[in-house]
Protein backbone atom coordinates (compact mmCIF):
# COMPACT_ATOMS: atom_id res chain seq x y z
CA MET A 1 -87.78 -46.48 25.89
CA ALA A 2 -86.74 -43.25 27.97
CA LEU A 3 -84.90 -45.52 30.25
CA LEU A 4 -83.21 -46.97 27.27
CA PHE A 5 -82.41 -43.89 25.89
CA TYR A 6 -80.76 -42.70 28.28
CA TYR A 7 -79.18 -45.21 29.32
CA THR A 8 -77.49 -45.45 26.07
CA LEU A 9 -76.27 -42.29 26.01
CA ILE A 10 -74.64 -42.38 29.50
CA ILE A 11 -72.73 -45.48 28.38
CA MET A 12 -71.68 -43.13 25.21
CA PHE A 13 -70.86 -40.41 27.62
CA PHE A 14 -68.73 -42.49 29.69
CA TYR A 15 -66.74 -43.91 26.44
CA THR A 16 -66.07 -40.40 25.69
CA ILE A 17 -64.80 -40.03 28.63
CA VAL A 18 -62.28 -42.94 28.38
CA ALA A 19 -61.33 -41.71 24.69
CA ALA A 20 -60.67 -38.75 25.99
CA THR A 21 -58.51 -38.99 28.99
CA SER A 22 -56.38 -41.55 27.27
CA LEU A 23 -55.89 -39.50 24.35
CA SER A 24 -54.83 -36.97 27.04
CA ALA A 25 -52.53 -39.74 28.19
CA PHE A 26 -50.92 -40.47 25.43
CA TYR A 27 -49.71 -36.39 24.73
CA VAL A 28 -47.91 -36.01 27.41
CA SER A 29 -46.31 -39.57 27.69
CA ARG A 30 -46.42 -40.34 23.94
CA ARG A 31 -46.96 -44.32 24.45
CA LYS A 32 -49.09 -45.87 22.08
CA THR A 33 -50.74 -47.55 24.07
CA PHE A 34 -53.10 -44.83 25.01
CA LEU A 35 -53.30 -44.44 21.45
CA TYR A 36 -55.00 -47.72 20.59
CA ALA A 37 -57.02 -47.20 23.24
CA THR A 38 -58.36 -44.20 22.39
CA LEU A 39 -58.83 -44.83 18.98
CA GLY A 40 -60.76 -48.37 20.12
CA PHE A 41 -63.32 -45.95 22.69
CA THR A 42 -63.93 -43.62 19.97
CA PHE A 43 -64.75 -46.49 17.55
CA TYR A 44 -67.42 -48.57 19.87
CA PHE A 45 -68.63 -45.09 20.60
CA PHE A 46 -69.71 -44.83 17.36
CA ASP A 47 -70.50 -49.55 17.36
CA VAL A 48 -73.34 -48.28 20.24
CA SER A 49 -74.65 -45.28 18.59
CA LEU A 50 -75.68 -47.64 15.64
CA VAL A 51 -79.18 -48.60 17.74
CA PHE A 52 -80.24 -45.20 16.85
CA MET A 53 -79.43 -44.97 13.15
CA ASP A 54 -82.86 -47.12 12.09
CA ASN A 55 -84.84 -44.50 14.37
CA PHE A 56 -83.51 -41.87 12.30
CA ILE A 57 -84.06 -43.23 8.79
CA THR A 58 -86.92 -45.23 9.64
CA PRO A 59 -88.84 -43.33 11.96
CA ASP A 60 -92.20 -44.53 11.14
CA ALA A 61 -91.59 -48.10 10.42
CA VAL A 62 -93.96 -51.07 11.81
CA LEU A 63 -91.96 -53.93 13.14
CA ALA A 64 -93.43 -57.45 12.81
CA ALA A 65 -92.17 -60.02 15.56
CA PRO A 66 -90.33 -61.83 12.62
CA SER A 67 -88.23 -58.66 12.23
CA PHE A 68 -87.01 -58.77 15.39
CA TYR A 69 -83.98 -61.28 14.54
CA ASP A 70 -82.51 -58.94 11.56
CA VAL A 71 -78.89 -57.82 12.06
CA GLY A 72 -79.61 -54.06 12.03
CA ASN A 73 -76.55 -52.33 10.02
CA PRO A 74 -74.42 -55.30 9.91
CA TYR A 75 -71.74 -54.23 7.97
CA ALA A 76 -71.33 -50.44 9.54
CA SER A 77 -70.88 -53.16 12.76
CA ILE A 78 -68.23 -54.98 11.20
CA ILE A 79 -66.49 -51.50 10.65
CA THR A 80 -67.30 -50.15 14.05
CA GLY A 81 -66.82 -53.46 16.06
CA GLY A 82 -63.80 -54.41 14.17
CA GLY A 83 -61.97 -50.88 14.83
CA ALA A 84 -62.84 -51.31 18.88
CA PHE A 85 -61.77 -54.93 18.68
CA LEU A 86 -58.48 -54.16 16.92
CA PHE A 87 -57.26 -51.21 18.61
CA LEU A 88 -58.24 -52.47 21.95
CA TRP A 89 -56.56 -55.73 20.73
CA LEU A 90 -53.61 -53.81 19.81
CA ALA A 91 -53.32 -51.97 22.98
CA ALA A 92 -53.28 -54.96 25.38
CA CYS A 93 -50.58 -56.46 22.90
CA ARG A 94 -48.37 -53.60 23.22
CA TYR A 95 -49.33 -53.04 27.32
CA CYS A 96 -47.82 -57.18 26.69
CA ARG A 97 -44.89 -56.49 24.80
CA GLU A 98 -46.49 -58.67 22.19
CA GLY A 99 -45.23 -57.60 18.48
CA HIS A 100 -45.45 -60.41 16.29
CA TRP A 101 -47.80 -59.00 13.73
CA ALA A 102 -49.93 -62.38 13.24
CA ILE A 103 -50.94 -62.09 16.80
CA ARG A 104 -51.97 -58.40 16.76
CA PHE A 105 -53.89 -58.32 13.70
CA VAL A 106 -55.29 -61.80 12.22
CA PRO A 107 -57.48 -62.72 15.22
CA VAL A 108 -59.95 -59.24 13.83
CA ALA A 109 -59.60 -60.08 10.51
CA VAL A 110 -60.49 -63.69 11.16
CA TRP A 111 -63.40 -62.30 12.99
CA ALA A 112 -64.76 -60.12 10.25
CA THR A 113 -64.66 -62.34 7.77
CA ALA A 114 -66.57 -64.94 9.91
CA SER A 115 -69.01 -62.07 11.22
CA LEU A 116 -69.60 -61.19 6.95
CA ALA A 117 -70.24 -65.13 6.29
CA ALA A 118 -72.26 -65.68 8.76
CA TYR A 119 -74.47 -62.60 7.45
CA GLN A 120 -74.50 -63.61 3.88
CA LEU A 121 -74.33 -67.71 3.84
CA ILE A 122 -77.13 -68.48 7.28
CA GLY A 123 -80.77 -67.66 5.92
CA ASP A 124 -82.57 -68.99 8.99
CA ALA A 125 -83.09 -64.95 10.85
CA GLN A 126 -83.05 -65.67 13.63
CA TRP A 127 -79.52 -68.47 13.39
CA ARG A 128 -78.00 -65.64 11.42
CA GLU A 129 -78.31 -63.38 14.84
CA PHE A 130 -77.44 -65.74 17.14
CA VAL A 131 -74.25 -66.65 15.04
CA TYR A 132 -73.03 -63.38 13.42
CA TYR A 133 -72.92 -61.78 17.46
CA SER A 134 -71.05 -64.63 18.49
CA MET A 135 -68.89 -64.41 16.78
CA ARG A 136 -67.66 -61.38 18.64
CA THR A 137 -67.78 -63.08 21.80
CA ALA A 138 -65.74 -66.07 20.33
CA LEU A 139 -62.72 -63.54 19.25
CA GLN A 140 -63.16 -62.22 22.92
CA LEU A 141 -62.71 -65.64 24.45
CA PHE A 142 -60.01 -66.33 22.07
CA CYS A 143 -58.01 -62.95 23.28
CA TYR A 144 -58.33 -64.06 26.94
CA ALA A 145 -56.98 -67.57 26.06
CA VAL A 146 -53.90 -66.16 24.21
CA LEU A 147 -53.23 -63.30 27.29
CA ALA A 148 -53.77 -66.46 29.73
CA LEU A 149 -50.93 -68.25 27.92
CA TRP A 150 -49.01 -65.78 27.73
CA TYR A 151 -48.99 -65.34 31.46
CA ARG A 152 -48.38 -68.76 32.28
CA HIS A 153 -45.06 -69.09 29.63
CA SER A 154 -43.77 -66.15 30.37
CA SER A 155 -40.28 -66.20 31.32
CA ASP A 156 -40.11 -62.67 32.27
CA PRO A 157 -40.51 -61.59 35.27
CA GLN A 158 -41.58 -57.58 34.70
CA ARG A 159 -44.09 -59.05 32.01
CA ARG A 160 -45.94 -61.19 34.51
CA SER A 161 -45.88 -58.78 36.96
CA ILE A 162 -47.22 -56.28 34.23
CA MET A 163 -49.82 -58.76 33.60
CA ARG A 164 -50.98 -59.41 37.20
CA SER A 165 -51.50 -56.30 38.44
CA HIS A 166 -54.49 -56.08 36.42
CA ARG A 167 -55.99 -59.93 37.38
CA VAL A 168 -59.13 -58.49 38.67
CA ALA A 169 -59.86 -56.27 35.51
CA TYR A 170 -59.31 -60.32 33.51
CA PHE A 171 -61.75 -62.38 35.53
CA TRP A 172 -64.39 -59.31 35.38
CA ALA A 173 -64.16 -59.62 31.85
CA VAL A 174 -64.21 -63.17 31.77
CA GLY A 175 -67.42 -63.29 33.75
CA LEU A 176 -69.26 -60.09 31.65
CA THR A 177 -68.20 -62.02 28.71
CA CYS A 178 -69.68 -65.51 30.00
CA GLY A 179 -72.97 -63.14 30.82
CA ILE A 180 -73.06 -62.14 26.56
CA ILE A 181 -73.18 -65.76 25.70
CA ILE A 182 -76.21 -66.13 28.27
CA GLU A 183 -77.84 -63.16 26.87
CA ASN A 184 -77.28 -64.01 23.48
CA VAL A 185 -78.57 -66.78 23.89
CA TYR A 186 -81.78 -66.01 25.90
CA PHE A 187 -83.08 -63.26 23.61
CA GLN A 188 -82.07 -64.39 20.25
CA LEU A 189 -82.93 -68.30 20.67
CA ILE A 190 -85.25 -68.36 23.75
CA TYR A 191 -87.17 -65.06 24.02
CA ASP A 192 -90.38 -65.13 22.18
CA PRO A 193 -90.87 -61.31 20.65
CA THR A 194 -94.01 -62.05 19.90
CA ASN A 195 -95.82 -59.64 22.29
CA LEU A 196 -92.73 -57.64 22.68
CA PRO A 197 -94.36 -53.61 23.05
CA HIS A 198 -93.00 -51.56 19.45
CA ASP A 199 -90.80 -49.21 21.69
CA MET A 200 -89.19 -51.71 23.38
CA TRP A 201 -87.46 -52.91 20.12
CA ILE A 202 -83.97 -51.45 20.52
CA MET A 203 -83.87 -54.25 22.99
CA ALA A 204 -82.96 -56.55 19.73
CA GLU A 205 -79.72 -54.83 19.52
CA ARG A 206 -78.53 -53.81 22.73
CA ASN A 207 -76.47 -56.03 24.80
CA PRO A 208 -75.96 -54.49 28.59
CA PHE A 209 -72.95 -57.29 29.27
CA GLU A 210 -71.19 -55.88 26.13
CA ASN A 211 -71.83 -52.48 27.67
CA ALA A 212 -70.63 -53.81 30.51
CA LEU A 213 -67.35 -55.48 29.68
CA PHE A 214 -66.52 -51.98 27.67
CA VAL A 215 -66.99 -50.15 30.90
CA CYS A 216 -64.06 -52.45 32.30
CA PHE A 217 -62.25 -52.05 30.02
CA GLY A 218 -62.83 -48.37 30.15
CA LEU A 219 -61.99 -48.57 33.74
CA ALA A 220 -58.89 -50.04 33.32
CA VAL A 221 -57.95 -47.77 30.62
CA LEU A 222 -58.31 -44.75 33.65
CA ARG A 223 -57.13 -46.45 36.10
CA GLY A 224 -53.43 -46.38 33.43
CA ALA A 225 -54.18 -43.11 32.38
CA SER A 226 -55.08 -41.23 35.76
CA ILE A 227 -51.31 -43.06 36.78
CA SER A 228 -49.66 -41.77 33.78
CA LEU A 229 -51.24 -38.54 33.72
CA HIS A 230 -50.47 -38.19 38.12
CA LEU A 231 -46.09 -38.49 37.14
CA ARG A 232 -46.63 -35.89 34.50
CA ALA A 233 -47.98 -33.87 36.62
CA ARG A 234 -45.20 -34.17 39.31
CA SER A 235 -42.73 -33.86 36.33
CA LEU A 236 -42.80 -30.34 35.07
CA PRO A 237 -42.00 -30.03 31.50
CA GLU A 238 -38.52 -28.72 30.87
CA GLY A 239 -36.55 -28.44 27.51
CA GLU A 240 -36.52 -26.29 24.51
CA ASP A 241 -39.23 -28.27 22.44
CA PRO A 242 -41.02 -25.81 20.19
CA LEU A 243 -44.41 -26.76 21.45
CA LEU A 244 -43.18 -26.04 24.94
CA VAL A 245 -41.60 -22.99 24.21
CA GLU A 246 -44.91 -22.12 22.14
CA SER A 247 -47.11 -22.92 25.61
CA ILE A 248 -44.59 -20.80 28.07
CA ASP A 249 -44.45 -17.53 25.49
CA ARG A 250 -48.17 -17.46 25.33
CA LEU A 251 -48.80 -18.10 29.61
CA LEU A 252 -45.81 -16.20 30.18
CA PRO A 253 -47.21 -12.41 29.59
CA LEU A 254 -50.37 -12.65 31.68
CA TYR A 255 -47.90 -14.78 34.68
CA SER A 256 -45.92 -11.47 34.67
CA HIS A 257 -48.55 -8.67 34.63
CA SER A 258 -50.02 -11.10 37.65
CA TYR A 259 -46.58 -10.55 39.89
CA ASP A 260 -45.52 -7.25 38.21
CA LEU A 261 -42.38 -8.53 37.02
CA SER A 262 -39.94 -6.85 35.03
CA LYS A 263 -38.97 -7.19 31.28
CA ARG A 264 -35.84 -8.92 32.53
CA GLU A 265 -37.34 -11.15 35.04
CA GLU A 266 -39.66 -12.29 32.83
CA GLU A 267 -36.60 -12.95 29.97
CA VAL A 268 -35.33 -14.37 33.15
CA LEU A 269 -38.24 -16.75 34.19
CA ARG A 270 -38.94 -18.13 30.91
CA LEU A 271 -35.31 -19.14 30.24
CA ALA A 272 -35.80 -21.23 34.26
CA LEU A 273 -38.99 -22.61 32.96
CA MET A 274 -36.91 -24.23 30.50
CA GLY A 275 -34.81 -26.01 32.60
CA LYS A 276 -31.88 -23.73 32.67
CA ASP A 277 -29.57 -22.96 35.62
CA ASN A 278 -28.26 -19.32 36.42
CA GLN A 279 -24.91 -20.32 34.73
CA ASN A 280 -27.22 -20.93 31.34
CA ILE A 281 -29.84 -17.78 31.44
CA ALA A 282 -26.45 -15.83 31.84
CA SER A 283 -24.65 -16.97 28.84
CA GLU A 284 -27.95 -15.80 26.79
CA LEU A 285 -29.17 -12.61 28.25
CA SER A 286 -25.10 -11.85 28.27
CA LEU A 287 -25.32 -11.24 32.11
CA THR A 288 -23.23 -12.44 34.91
CA ALA A 289 -23.99 -15.10 37.02
CA GLY A 290 -24.82 -12.84 40.03
CA THR A 291 -27.35 -10.90 38.34
CA VAL A 292 -29.30 -14.00 37.55
CA LYS A 293 -29.42 -14.94 40.38
CA VAL A 294 -30.80 -11.29 41.97
CA HIS A 295 -33.58 -11.91 39.53
CA VAL A 296 -34.35 -15.30 40.45
CA HIS A 297 -33.78 -14.18 44.12
CA ASN A 298 -36.23 -11.06 43.26
CA ILE A 299 -38.62 -13.28 41.18
CA LEU A 300 -39.33 -16.10 43.97
CA LYS A 301 -40.35 -12.98 46.35
CA LYS A 302 -42.60 -11.72 44.52
CA THR A 303 -44.17 -15.03 43.52
CA GLY A 304 -44.50 -16.16 46.87
CA HIS A 305 -42.59 -19.06 46.42
CA ALA A 306 -39.68 -20.72 48.05
CA ASN A 307 -37.96 -22.50 45.03
CA ARG A 308 -38.24 -22.74 41.48
CA ALA A 309 -40.14 -26.13 41.37
CA ALA A 310 -42.83 -24.33 43.47
CA LEU A 311 -42.60 -21.64 41.09
CA ALA A 312 -42.68 -23.55 37.79
CA ALA A 313 -45.72 -25.95 39.38
CA ASP A 314 -47.44 -22.72 39.91
CA PHE A 315 -46.78 -21.26 36.22
CA TRP A 316 -47.70 -24.52 34.94
CA GLU A 317 -51.23 -24.81 37.09
CA ARG A 318 -52.74 -22.08 36.25
């Protein structure tokens, strides 16, 4: 039980890292793909956490063998699982440049409806659990098939190139989904839970292959997010965006104090960090271009940098 507990915590921690990194990439790139990925992994974090719910609500419950096949928290699972699949599918659609609303929303809506129907209409507990959770793999296989069709029939070479760059993750995802099917068949249709220890009851709702599948998705998101963040680090912020100006005004006094910059040098540096050239700085501060040039030279000398780019990089790294 302790091993499964820490395994689940590690898995949840990984999904938190993916969501946080993806959100950071969204803030610097404004690409909705990263926002959708953030929401998808946030929902899946709560989906995985559902395994602990019964331990808090009914910690002293004595479970009999037939209850091994009970679907725990079915309605919450549809919400958390549906949110995870919807937003990750939206991320995939946007990344592959597919914008039709039916393709984006209908598959998850059908999955949610079919899962709810399976839970309410199937009387046999064992088959109800199997069909209920198999709906997830059916949705995943459908999405893989759609992606394959997009790749095969796309006439856009750039779109095909984008999809081809993720072919390794794609085949890993297909393989892990096949593992989910095998795992479901074994634990839900073949395995005999009669002799299962009480403290191992968590295995009834734990699916390591599905966790590994989302780790595969997470690694793909981390790869894309890291590239976006790296490009952002190489392209330093400039302009008069209110958030950028606020950040400069917040960091500048401490930076100025560290290098003993004068008040005028601090004013010049502030405008230089916004990307203004010497002439624009001179106009804004009512100085001559020559005077601004001297101030910039003094700033570079005091901070020990050869040019404005190195100065700006040092400023934003602090």
